[in-house]
Amino acid sequence: MGTMQEDIAERKAILLTLKTELIQRLNIQRQPGQIDDDSPLFGNGLKLDSVDATEILVLLDNVFNIKVSEGDDPAWMRTINNMASFIIAKKRADQSQPLAENRQ
């Protein structure tokens, strides 16, 4: 775990990456600065649908090397802020178990 400044910088970088990737992959007609961190991804917010949800899973895997499991709380997909928190939590969990995948 880093300093508060490092944590804030990491979160800002993840938020910007998420917005940029969502705009490119889902053809959203906005700039990253026009997307509020707390606007809903589905429904009234960015109006994403189930096909977009699948693309978000691919994005997390390809860009952040994060695999979503069935046991993960689906609330991570509500907003960009929730997604950023989810990514940070997953990265920290992975760092605390460095060789878990290789032990099989």
PDB file of N, CA and C in Angstrom:
ATOM      1  N   MET A   1       0.848  -1.191   0.000  1.00  0.00           N
ATOM      2  CA  MET A   1       0.000   0.000   0.000  1.00  0.00           C
ATOM      3  C   MET A   1       0.881   1.239   0.000  1.00  0.00           C
ATOM      4  N   GLY A   2       0.566   2.190  -0.838  1.00  0.00           N
ATOM      5  CA  GLY A   2       1.392   3.379  -0.981  1.00  0.00           C
ATOM      6  C   GLY A   2       0.925   4.516  -0.093  1.00  0.00           C
ATOM      7  N   THR A   3       1.490   5.677  -0.345  1.00  0.00           N
ATOM      8  CA  THR A   3       1.059   6.859   0.379  1.00  0.00           C
ATOM      9  C   THR A   3      -0.303   7.299  -0.159  1.00  0.00           C
ATOM     10  N   MET A   4      -0.924   8.228   0.550  1.00  0.00           N
ATOM     11  CA  MET A   4      -2.225   8.699   0.094  1.00  0.00           C
ATOM     12  C   MET A   4      -2.108   9.325  -1.301  1.00  0.00           C
ATOM     13  N   GLN A   5      -1.045  10.092  -1.542  1.00  0.00           N
ATOM     14  CA  GLN A   5      -0.852  10.697  -2.858  1.00  0.00           C
ATOM     15  C   GLN A   5      -0.708   9.638  -3.940  1.00  0.00           C
ATOM     16  N   GLU A   6       0.029   8.558  -3.635  1.00  0.00           N
ATOM     17  CA  GLU A   6       0.196   7.478  -4.610  1.00  0.00           C
ATOM     18  C   GLU A   6      -1.129   6.780  -4.877  1.00  0.00           C
ATOM     19  N   ASP A   7      -1.906   6.568  -3.810  1.00  0.00           N
ATOM     20  CA  ASP A   7      -3.212   5.930  -3.963  1.00  0.00           C
ATOM     21  C   ASP A   7      -4.151   6.793  -4.817  1.00  0.00           C
ATOM     22  N   ILE A   8      -4.128   8.101  -4.565  1.00  0.00           N
ATOM     23  CA  ILE A   8      -4.976   9.020  -5.343  1.00  0.00           C
ATOM     24  C   ILE A   8      -4.536   9.029  -6.803  1.00  0.00           C
ATOM     25  N   ALA A   9      -3.228   9.085  -7.034  1.00  0.00           N
ATOM     26  CA  ALA A   9      -2.700   9.083  -8.404  1.00  0.00           C
ATOM     27  C   ALA A   9      -3.068   7.788  -9.123  1.00  0.00           C
ATOM     28  N   GLU A  10      -2.951   6.652  -8.409  1.00  0.00           N
ATOM     29  CA  GLU A  10      -3.306   5.365  -9.006  1.00  0.00           C
ATOM     30  C   GLU A  10      -4.787   5.344  -9.393  1.00  0.00           C
ATOM     31  N   ARG A  11      -5.637   5.820  -8.488  1.00  0.00           N
ATOM     32  CA  ARG A  11      -7.079   5.831  -8.739  1.00  0.00           C
ATOM     33  C   ARG A  11      -7.408   6.733  -9.942  1.00  0.00           C
ATOM     34  N   LYS A  12      -6.797   7.929  -9.981  1.00  0.00           N
ATOM     35  CA  LYS A  12      -7.040   8.848 -11.100  1.00  0.00           C
ATOM     36  C   LYS A  12      -6.620   8.211 -12.423  1.00  0.00           C
ATOM     37  N   ALA A  13      -5.475   7.538 -12.427  1.00  0.00           N
ATOM     38  CA  ALA A  13      -4.988   6.884 -13.645  1.00  0.00           C
ATOM     39  C   ALA A  13      -5.948   5.779 -14.080  1.00  0.00           C
ATOM     40  N   ILE A  14      -6.441   4.996 -13.120  1.00  0.00           N
ATOM     41  CA  ILE A  14      -7.378   3.920 -13.444  1.00  0.00           C
ATOM     42  C   ILE A  14      -8.685   4.501 -13.974  1.00  0.00           C
ATOM     43  N   LEU A  15      -9.193   5.554 -13.335  1.00  0.00           N
ATOM     44  CA  LEU A  15     -10.440   6.182 -13.794  1.00  0.00           C
ATOM     45  C   LEU A  15     -10.297   6.686 -15.230  1.00  0.00           C
ATOM     46  N   LEU A  16      -9.172   7.357 -15.524  1.00  0.00           N
ATOM     47  CA  LEU A  16      -8.961   7.871 -16.876  1.00  0.00           C
ATOM     48  C   LEU A  16      -8.844   6.727 -17.881  1.00  0.00           C
ATOM     49  N   THR A  17      -8.111   5.687 -17.520  1.00  0.00           N
ATOM     50  CA  THR A  17      -7.976   4.535 -18.415  1.00  0.00           C
ATOM     51  C   THR A  17      -9.334   3.903 -18.669  1.00  0.00           C
ATOM     52  N   LEU A  18     -10.118   3.717 -17.612  1.00  0.00           N
ATOM     53  CA  LEU A  18     -11.445   3.126 -17.771  1.00  0.00           C
ATOM     54  C   LEU A  18     -12.309   3.957 -18.718  1.00  0.00           C
ATOM     55  N   LYS A  19     -12.354   5.259 -18.488  1.00  0.00           N
ATOM     56  CA  LYS A  19     -13.177   6.130 -19.333  1.00  0.00           C
ATOM     57  C   LYS A  19     -12.714   6.082 -20.784  1.00  0.00           C
ATOM     58  N   THR A  20     -11.402   6.181 -20.991  1.00  0.00           N
ATOM     59  CA  THR A  20     -10.854   6.165 -22.344  1.00  0.00           C
ATOM     60  C   THR A  20     -11.174   4.846 -23.044  1.00  0.00           C
ATOM     61  N   GLU A  21     -10.965   3.736 -22.339  1.00  0.00           N
ATOM     62  CA  GLU A  21     -11.242   2.417 -22.922  1.00  0.00           C
ATOM     63  C   GLU A  21     -12.734   2.231 -23.213  1.00  0.00           C
ATOM     64  N   LEU A  22     -13.592   2.653 -22.291  1.00  0.00           N
ATOM     65  CA  LEU A  22     -15.037   2.530 -22.508  1.00  0.00           C
ATOM     66  C   LEU A  22     -15.470   3.336 -23.729  1.00  0.00           C
ATOM     67  N   ILE A  23     -14.944   4.554 -23.846  1.00  0.00           N
ATOM     68  CA  ILE A  23     -15.284   5.415 -24.982  1.00  0.00           C
ATOM     69  C   ILE A  23     -14.879   4.745 -26.293  1.00  0.00           C
ATOM     70  N   GLN A  24     -13.661   4.210 -26.335  1.00  0.00           N
ATOM     71  CA  GLN A  24     -13.166   3.592 -27.570  1.00  0.00           C
ATOM     72  C   GLN A  24     -13.888   2.283 -27.881  1.00  0.00           C
ATOM     73  N   ARG A  25     -14.007   1.413 -26.891  1.00  0.00           N
ATOM     74  CA  ARG A  25     -14.566   0.086 -27.129  1.00  0.00           C
ATOM     75  C   ARG A  25     -16.072   0.100 -27.361  1.00  0.00           C
ATOM     76  N   LEU A  26     -16.772   1.011 -26.685  1.00  0.00           N
ATOM     77  CA  LEU A  26     -18.234   1.006 -26.749  1.00  0.00           C
ATOM     78  C   LEU A  26     -18.783   2.148 -27.596  1.00  0.00           C
ATOM     79  N   ASN A  27     -17.874   2.862 -28.254  1.00  0.00           N
ATOM     80  CA  ASN A  27     -18.273   3.934 -29.165  1.00  0.00           C
ATOM     81  C   ASN A  27     -19.172   4.965 -28.472  1.00  0.00           C
ATOM     82  N   ILE A  28     -18.762   5.387 -27.278  1.00  0.00           N
ATOM     83  CA  ILE A  28     -19.501   6.392 -26.518  1.00  0.00           C
ATOM     84  C   ILE A  28     -19.091   7.764 -27.041  1.00  0.00           C
ATOM     85  N   GLN A  29     -20.072   8.574 -27.370  1.00  0.00           N
ATOM     86  CA  GLN A  29     -19.803   9.889 -27.967  1.00  0.00           C
ATOM     87  C   GLN A  29     -19.570  10.956 -26.898  1.00  0.00           C
ATOM     88  N   ARG A  30     -18.545  10.760 -26.091  1.00  0.00           N
ATOM     89  CA  ARG A  30     -18.174  11.725 -25.050  1.00  0.00           C
ATOM     90  C   ARG A  30     -16.670  11.714 -24.889  1.00  0.00           C
ATOM     91  N   GLN A  31     -16.179  12.758 -24.230  1.00  0.00           N
ATOM     92  CA  GLN A  31     -14.779  12.825 -23.836  1.00  0.00           C
ATOM     93  C   GLN A  31     -14.668  12.308 -22.397  1.00  0.00           C
ATOM     94  N   PRO A  32     -13.481  11.814 -21.997  1.00  0.00           N
ATOM     95  CA  PRO A  32     -13.344  11.313 -20.620  1.00  0.00           C
ATOM     96  C   PRO A  32     -13.809  12.320 -19.563  1.00  0.00           C
ATOM     97  N   GLY A  33     -13.517  13.608 -19.772  1.00  0.00           N
ATOM     98  CA  GLY A  33     -13.907  14.641 -18.812  1.00  0.00           C
ATOM     99  C   GLY A  33     -15.408  14.870 -18.736  1.00  0.00           C
ATOM    100  N   GLN A  34     -16.148  14.363 -19.720  1.00  0.00           N
ATOM    101  CA  GLN A  34     -17.598  14.531 -19.736  1.00  0.00           C
ATOM    102  C   GLN A  34     -18.320  13.384 -19.032  1.00  0.00           C
ATOM    103  N   ILE A  35     -17.581  12.394 -18.574  1.00  0.00           N
ATOM    104  CA  ILE A  35     -18.186  11.257 -17.896  1.00  0.00           C
ATOM    105  C   ILE A  35     -17.908  11.378 -16.407  1.00  0.00           C
ATOM    106  N   ASP A  36     -18.965  11.522 -15.624  1.00  0.00           N
ATOM    107  CA  ASP A  36     -18.827  11.620 -14.176  1.00  0.00           C
ATOM    108  C   ASP A  36     -18.431  10.262 -13.604  1.00  0.00           C
ATOM    109  N   ASP A  37     -17.546  10.273 -12.630  1.00  0.00           N
ATOM    110  CA  ASP A  37     -17.069   9.022 -12.025  1.00  0.00           C
ATOM    111  C   ASP A  37     -18.200   8.215 -11.393  1.00  0.00           C
ATOM    112  N   ASP A  38     -19.251   8.906 -10.966  1.00  0.00           N
ATOM    113  CA  ASP A  38     -20.350   8.233 -10.274  1.00  0.00           C
ATOM    114  C   ASP A  38     -21.607   8.063 -11.127  1.00  0.00           C
ATOM    115  N   SER A  39     -21.537   8.390 -12.411  1.00  0.00           N
ATOM    116  CA  SER A  39     -22.738   8.190 -13.225  1.00  0.00           C
ATOM    117  C   SER A  39     -22.921   6.687 -13.469  1.00  0.00           C
ATOM    118  N   PRO A  40     -24.158   6.216 -13.434  1.00  0.00           N
ATOM    119  CA  PRO A  40     -24.409   4.786 -13.647  1.00  0.00           C
ATOM    120  C   PRO A  40     -23.970   4.352 -15.041  1.00  0.00           C
ATOM    121  N   LEU A  41     -23.414   3.145 -15.126  1.00  0.00           N
ATOM    122  CA  LEU A  41     -23.005   2.627 -16.425  1.00  0.00           C
ATOM    123  C   LEU A  41     -24.227   2.151 -17.218  1.00  0.00           C
ATOM    124  N   PHE A  42     -25.208   1.633 -16.495  1.00  0.00           N
ATOM    125  CA  PHE A  42     -26.403   1.105 -17.144  1.00  0.00           C
ATOM    126  C   PHE A  42     -27.585   1.998 -16.791  1.00  0.00           C
ATOM    127  N   GLY A  43     -28.702   1.841 -17.479  1.00  0.00           N
ATOM    128  CA  GLY A  43     -29.869   2.671 -17.187  1.00  0.00           C
ATOM    129  C   GLY A  43     -29.650   4.094 -17.655  1.00  0.00           C
ATOM    130  N   ASN A  44     -29.970   5.053 -16.799  1.00  0.00           N
ATOM    131  CA  ASN A  44     -29.937   6.469 -17.190  1.00  0.00           C
ATOM    132  C   ASN A  44     -28.554   7.034 -17.435  1.00  0.00           C
ATOM    133  N   GLY A  45     -27.526   6.416 -16.901  1.00  0.00           N
ATOM    134  CA  GLY A  45     -26.177   6.963 -17.038  1.00  0.00           C
ATOM    135  C   GLY A  45     -25.648   6.869 -18.452  1.00  0.00           C
ATOM    136  N   LEU A  46     -24.728   5.929 -18.681  1.00  0.00           N
ATOM    137  CA  LEU A  46     -24.131   5.753 -20.006  1.00  0.00           C
ATOM    138  C   LEU A  46     -24.989   4.866 -20.907  1.00  0.00           C
ATOM    139  N   LYS A  47     -26.083   4.341 -20.352  1.00  0.00           N
ATOM    140  CA  LYS A  47     -27.036   3.541 -21.127  1.00  0.00           C
ATOM    141  C   LYS A  47     -26.408   2.295 -21.760  1.00  0.00           C
ATOM    142  N   LEU A  48     -25.512   1.654 -21.024  1.00  0.00           N
ATOM    143  CA  LEU A  48     -24.894   0.436 -21.525  1.00  0.00           C
ATOM    144  C   LEU A  48     -25.869  -0.731 -21.401  1.00  0.00           C
ATOM    145  N   ASP A  49     -25.595  -1.808 -22.150  1.00  0.00           N
ATOM    146  CA  ASP A  49     -26.466  -2.985 -22.106  1.00  0.00           C
ATOM    147  C   ASP A  49     -25.642  -4.242 -21.840  1.00  0.00           C
ATOM    148  N   SER A  50     -26.268  -5.404 -21.947  1.00  0.00           N
ATOM    149  CA  SER A  50     -25.585  -6.653 -21.599  1.00  0.00           C
ATOM    150  C   SER A  50     -24.419  -6.960 -22.536  1.00  0.00           C
ATOM    151  N   VAL A  51     -24.521  -6.566 -23.803  1.00  0.00           N
ATOM    152  CA  VAL A  51     -23.397  -6.758 -24.728  1.00  0.00           C
ATOM    153  C   VAL A  51     -22.213  -5.901 -24.267  1.00  0.00           C
ATOM    154  N   ASP A  52     -22.511  -4.676 -23.838  1.00  0.00           N
ATOM    155  CA  ASP A  52     -21.463  -3.795 -23.316  1.00  0.00           C
ATOM    156  C   ASP A  52     -20.840  -4.389 -22.049  1.00  0.00           C
ATOM    157  N   ALA A  53     -21.661  -5.033 -21.225  1.00  0.00           N
ATOM    158  CA  ALA A  53     -21.151  -5.646 -19.994  1.00  0.00           C
ATOM    159  C   ALA A  53     -20.106  -6.704 -20.327  1.00  0.00           C
ATOM    160  N   THR A  54     -20.352  -7.484 -21.367  1.00  0.00           N
ATOM    161  CA  THR A  54     -19.387  -8.493 -21.802  1.00  0.00           C
ATOM    162  C   THR A  54     -18.092  -7.821 -22.246  1.00  0.00           C
ATOM    163  N   GLU A  55     -18.203  -6.728 -22.957  1.00  0.00           N
ATOM    164  CA  GLU A  55     -17.020  -5.998 -23.419  1.00  0.00           C
ATOM    165  C   GLU A  55     -16.238  -5.435 -22.227  1.00  0.00           C
ATOM    166  N   ILE A  56     -16.938  -5.046 -21.165  1.00  0.00           N
ATOM    167  CA  ILE A  56     -16.268  -4.543 -19.960  1.00  0.00           C
ATOM    168  C   ILE A  56     -15.437  -5.660 -19.327  1.00  0.00           C
ATOM    169  N   LEU A  57     -15.970  -6.879 -19.315  1.00  0.00           N
ATOM    170  CA  LEU A  57     -15.210  -8.015 -18.771  1.00  0.00           C
ATOM    171  C   LEU A  57     -13.937  -8.245 -19.581  1.00  0.00           C
ATOM    172  N   VAL A  58     -14.048  -8.127 -20.900  1.00  0.00           N
ATOM    173  CA  VAL A  58     -12.877  -8.277 -21.775  1.00  0.00           C
ATOM    174  C   VAL A  58     -11.877  -7.154 -21.498  1.00  0.00           C
ATOM    175  N   LEU A  59     -12.370  -5.941 -21.350  1.00  0.00           N
ATOM    176  CA  LEU A  59     -11.532  -4.777 -21.045  1.00  0.00           C
ATOM    177  C   LEU A  59     -10.748  -5.024 -19.755  1.00  0.00           C
ATOM    178  N   LEU A  60     -11.432  -5.473 -18.699  1.00  0.00           N
ATOM    179  CA  LEU A  60     -10.747  -5.704 -17.424  1.00  0.00           C
ATOM    180  C   LEU A  60      -9.639  -6.744 -17.573  1.00  0.00           C
ATOM    181  N   ASP A  61      -9.922  -7.775 -18.345  1.00  0.00           N
ATOM    182  CA  ASP A  61      -8.938  -8.831 -18.559  1.00  0.00           C
ATOM    183  C   ASP A  61      -7.764  -8.316 -19.393  1.00  0.00           C
ATOM    184  N   ASN A  62      -8.049  -7.695 -20.518  1.00  0.00           N
ATOM    185  CA  ASN A  62      -6.994  -7.259 -21.443  1.00  0.00           C
ATOM    186  C   ASN A  62      -6.176  -6.081 -20.938  1.00  0.00           C
ATOM    187  N   VAL A  63      -6.828  -5.107 -20.315  1.00  0.00           N
ATOM    188  CA  VAL A  63      -6.135  -3.883 -19.917  1.00  0.00           C
ATOM    189  C   VAL A  63      -5.544  -3.989 -18.509  1.00  0.00           C
ATOM    190  N   PHE A  64      -6.304  -4.590 -17.590  1.00  0.00           N
ATOM    191  CA  PHE A  64      -5.869  -4.623 -16.194  1.00  0.00           C
ATOM    192  C   PHE A  64      -5.464  -6.017 -15.719  1.00  0.00           C
ATOM    193  N   ASN A  65      -5.579  -7.019 -16.593  1.00  0.00           N
ATOM    194  CA  ASN A  65      -5.260  -8.407 -16.254  1.00  0.00           C
ATOM    195  C   ASN A  65      -6.066  -8.886 -15.043  1.00  0.00           C
ATOM    196  N   ILE A  66      -7.350  -8.526 -15.041  1.00  0.00           N
ATOM    197  CA  ILE A  66      -8.235  -8.892 -13.939  1.00  0.00           C
ATOM    198  C   ILE A  66      -9.338  -9.791 -14.470  1.00  0.00           C
ATOM    199  N   LYS A  67      -9.500 -10.922 -13.807  1.00  0.00           N
ATOM    200  CA  LYS A  67     -10.568 -11.863 -14.151  1.00  0.00           C
ATOM    201  C   LYS A  67     -11.675 -11.703 -13.113  1.00  0.00           C
ATOM    202  N   VAL A  68     -12.899 -11.564 -13.586  1.00  0.00           N
ATOM    203  CA  VAL A  68     -14.037 -11.445 -12.695  1.00  0.00           C
ATOM    204  C   VAL A  68     -14.560 -12.850 -12.426  1.00  0.00           C
ATOM    205  N   SER A  69     -14.782 -13.162 -11.157  1.00  0.00           N
ATOM    206  CA  SER A  69     -15.309 -14.484 -10.833  1.00  0.00           C
ATOM    207  C   SER A  69     -16.774 -14.369 -10.425  1.00  0.00           C
ATOM    208  N   GLU A  70     -17.466 -15.488 -10.458  1.00  0.00           N
ATOM    209  CA  GLU A  70     -18.885 -15.483 -10.112  1.00  0.00           C
ATOM    210  C   GLU A  70     -19.122 -15.058  -8.676  1.00  0.00           C
ATOM    211  N   GLY A  71     -18.134 -15.235  -7.820  1.00  0.00           N
ATOM    212  CA  GLY A  71     -18.275 -14.857  -6.420  1.00  0.00           C
ATOM    213  C   GLY A  71     -18.133 -13.364  -6.158  1.00  0.00           C
ATOM    214  N   ASP A  72     -17.691 -12.602  -7.156  1.00  0.00           N
ATOM    215  CA  ASP A  72     -17.507 -11.163  -6.977  1.00  0.00           C
ATOM    216  C   ASP A  72     -18.865 -10.464  -6.927  1.00  0.00           C
ATOM    217  N   ASP A  73     -18.993  -9.505  -6.020  1.00  0.00           N
ATOM    218  CA  ASP A  73     -20.222  -8.729  -5.891  1.00  0.00           C
ATOM    219  C   ASP A  73     -20.443  -7.934  -7.178  1.00  0.00           C
ATOM    220  N   PRO A  74     -21.598  -8.104  -7.842  1.00  0.00           N
ATOM    221  CA  PRO A  74     -21.832  -7.405  -9.117  1.00  0.00           C
ATOM    222  C   PRO A  74     -21.941  -5.884  -8.985  1.00  0.00           C
ATOM    223  N   ALA A  75     -21.981  -5.358  -7.776  1.00  0.00           N
ATOM    224  CA  ALA A  75     -22.069  -3.903  -7.589  1.00  0.00           C
ATOM    225  C   ALA A  75     -20.872  -3.176  -8.193  1.00  0.00           C
ATOM    226  N   TRP A  76     -19.762  -3.885  -8.435  1.00  0.00           N
ATOM    227  CA  TRP A  76     -18.578  -3.240  -9.016  1.00  0.00           C
ATOM    228  C   TRP A  76     -18.887  -2.649 -10.388  1.00  0.00           C
ATOM    229  N   MET A  77     -19.948  -3.123 -11.027  1.00  0.00           N
ATOM    230  CA  MET A  77     -20.250  -2.678 -12.378  1.00  0.00           C
ATOM    231  C   MET A  77     -21.261  -1.523 -12.421  1.00  0.00           C
ATOM    232  N   ARG A  78     -21.593  -0.958 -11.275  1.00  0.00           N
ATOM    233  CA  ARG A  78     -22.597   0.116 -11.261  1.00  0.00           C
ATOM    234  C   ARG A  78     -22.084   1.437 -11.816  1.00  0.00           C
ATOM    235  N   THR A  79     -20.890   1.827 -11.379  1.00  0.00           N
ATOM    236  CA  THR A  79     -20.319   3.111 -11.790  1.00  0.00           C
ATOM    237  C   THR A  79     -18.834   2.932 -12.114  1.00  0.00           C
ATOM    238  N   ILE A  80     -18.259   3.954 -12.727  1.00  0.00           N
ATOM    239  CA  ILE A  80     -16.827   3.911 -13.026  1.00  0.00           C
ATOM    240  C   ILE A  80     -16.029   3.926 -11.717  1.00  0.00           C
ATOM    241  N   ASN A  81     -16.504   4.668 -10.732  1.00  0.00           N
ATOM    242  CA  ASN A  81     -15.845   4.686  -9.423  1.00  0.00           C
ATOM    243  C   ASN A  81     -15.846   3.294  -8.795  1.00  0.00           C
ATOM    244  N   ASN A  82     -16.988   2.606  -8.862  1.00  0.00           N
ATOM    245  CA  ASN A  82     -17.065   1.245  -8.325  1.00  0.00           C
ATOM    246  C   ASN A  82     -16.077   0.332  -9.052  1.00  0.00           C
ATOM    247  N   MET A  83     -15.997   0.494 -10.369  1.00  0.00           N
ATOM    248  CA  MET A  83     -15.079  -0.333 -11.148  1.00  0.00           C
ATOM    249  C   MET A  83     -13.628  -0.065 -10.747  1.00  0.00           C
ATOM    250  N   ALA A  84     -13.293   1.205 -10.534  1.00  0.00           N
ATOM    251  CA  ALA A  84     -11.928   1.551 -10.120  1.00  0.00           C
ATOM    252  C   ALA A  84     -11.612   0.921  -8.760  1.00  0.00           C
ATOM    253  N   SER A  85     -12.550   0.977  -7.826  1.00  0.00           N
ATOM    254  CA  SER A  85     -12.338   0.367  -6.507  1.00  0.00           C
ATOM    255  C   SER A  85     -12.148  -1.142  -6.638  1.00  0.00           C
ATOM    256  N   PHE A  86     -12.936  -1.756  -7.500  1.00  0.00           N
ATOM    257  CA  PHE A  86     -12.857  -3.191  -7.748  1.00  0.00           C
ATOM    258  C   PHE A  86     -11.474  -3.558  -8.308  1.00  0.00           C
ATOM    259  N   ILE A  87     -10.998  -2.793  -9.280  1.00  0.00           N
ATOM    260  CA  ILE A  87      -9.690  -3.043  -9.890  1.00  0.00           C
ATOM    261  C   ILE A  87      -8.586  -2.919  -8.842  1.00  0.00           C
ATOM    262  N   ILE A  88      -8.632  -1.859  -8.030  1.00  0.00           N
ATOM    263  CA  ILE A  88      -7.613  -1.644  -7.001  1.00  0.00           C
ATOM    264  C   ILE A  88      -7.641  -2.790  -5.994  1.00  0.00           C
ATOM    265  N   ALA A  89      -8.829  -3.199  -5.574  1.00  0.00           N
ATOM    266  CA  ALA A  89      -8.943  -4.297  -4.602  1.00  0.00           C
ATOM    267  C   ALA A  89      -8.400  -5.600  -5.184  1.00  0.00           C
ATOM    268  N   LYS A  90      -8.729  -5.877  -6.449  1.00  0.00           N
ATOM    269  CA  LYS A  90      -8.247  -7.101  -7.095  1.00  0.00           C
ATOM    270  C   LYS A  90      -6.719  -7.084  -7.224  1.00  0.00           C
ATOM    271  N   LYS A  91      -6.161  -5.930  -7.611  1.00  0.00           N
ATOM    272  CA  LYS A  91      -4.703  -5.822  -7.744  1.00  0.00           C
ATOM    273  C   LYS A  91      -4.022  -6.062  -6.400  1.00  0.00           C
ATOM    274  N   ARG A  92      -4.584  -5.486  -5.343  1.00  0.00           N
ATOM    275  CA  ARG A  92      -3.985  -5.654  -4.010  1.00  0.00           C
ATOM    276  C   ARG A  92      -4.093  -7.099  -3.561  1.00  0.00           C
ATOM    277  N   ALA A  93      -5.214  -7.744  -3.849  1.00  0.00           N
ATOM    278  CA  ALA A  93      -5.394  -9.149  -3.480  1.00  0.00           C
ATOM    279  C   ALA A  93      -4.378 -10.014  -4.229  1.00  0.00           C
ATOM    280  N   ASP A  94      -4.172  -9.718  -5.504  1.00  0.00           N
ATOM    281  CA  ASP A  94      -3.193 -10.469  -6.299  1.00  0.00           C
ATOM    282  C   ASP A  94      -1.774 -10.277  -5.768  1.00  0.00           C
ATOM    283  N   GLN A  95      -1.461  -9.051  -5.343  1.00  0.00           N
ATOM    284  CA  GLN A  95      -0.119  -8.775  -4.833  1.00  0.00           C
ATOM    285  C   GLN A  95       0.144  -9.501  -3.519  1.00  0.00           C
ATOM    286  N   SER A  96      -0.920  -9.734  -2.742  1.00  0.00           N
ATOM    287  CA  SER A  96      -0.725 -10.400  -1.452  1.00  0.00           C
ATOM    288  C   SER A  96      -0.625 -11.921  -1.599  1.00  0.00           C
ATOM    289  N   GLN A  97      -0.936 -12.438  -2.799  1.00  0.00           N
ATOM    290  CA  GLN A  97      -0.814 -13.878  -3.076  1.00  0.00           C
ATOM    291  C   GLN A  97      -0.008 -14.077  -4.349  1.00  0.00           C
ATOM    292  N   PRO A  98       1.293 -13.806  -4.299  1.00  0.00           N
ATOM    293  CA  PRO A  98       2.088 -13.764  -5.526  1.00  0.00           C
ATOM    294  C   PRO A  98       2.132 -15.050  -6.344  1.00  0.00           C
ATOM    295  N   LEU A  99       2.180 -16.188  -5.719  1.00  0.00           N
ATOM    296  CA  LEU A  99       2.348 -17.419  -6.494  1.00  0.00           C
ATOM    297  C   LEU A  99       1.150 -18.359  -6.385  1.00  0.00           C
ATOM    298  N   ALA A 100       0.014 -17.848  -5.975  1.00  0.00           N
ATOM    299  CA  ALA A 100      -1.162 -18.708  -5.762  1.00  0.00           C
ATOM    300  C   ALA A 100      -1.541 -19.505  -6.996  1.00  0.00           C
ATOM    301  N   GLU A 101      -1.471 -18.882  -8.172  1.00  0.00           N
ATOM    302  CA  GLU A 101      -1.876 -19.568  -9.396  1.00  0.00           C
ATOM    303  C   GLU A 101      -0.892 -20.644  -9.830  1.00  0.00           C
ATOM    304  N   ASN A 102       0.363 -20.507  -9.445  1.00  0.00           N
ATOM    305  CA  ASN A 102       1.395 -21.424  -9.912  1.00  0.00           C
ATOM    306  C   ASN A 102       1.562 -22.652  -9.023  1.00  0.00           C
ATOM    307  N   ARG A 103       0.847 -22.740  -7.937  1.00  0.00           N
ATOM    308  CA  ARG A 103       1.046 -23.839  -6.980  1.00  0.00           C
ATOM    309  C   ARG A 103       0.325 -25.120  -7.339  1.00  0.00           C
ATOM    310  N   GLN A 104      -0.525 -25.103  -8.317  1.00  0.00           N
ATOM    311  CA  GLN A 104      -1.364 -26.273  -8.610  1.00  0.00           C
ATOM    312  C   GLN A 104      -0.613 -27.459  -9.075  1.00  0.00           C
TER     313      GLN A 104
END
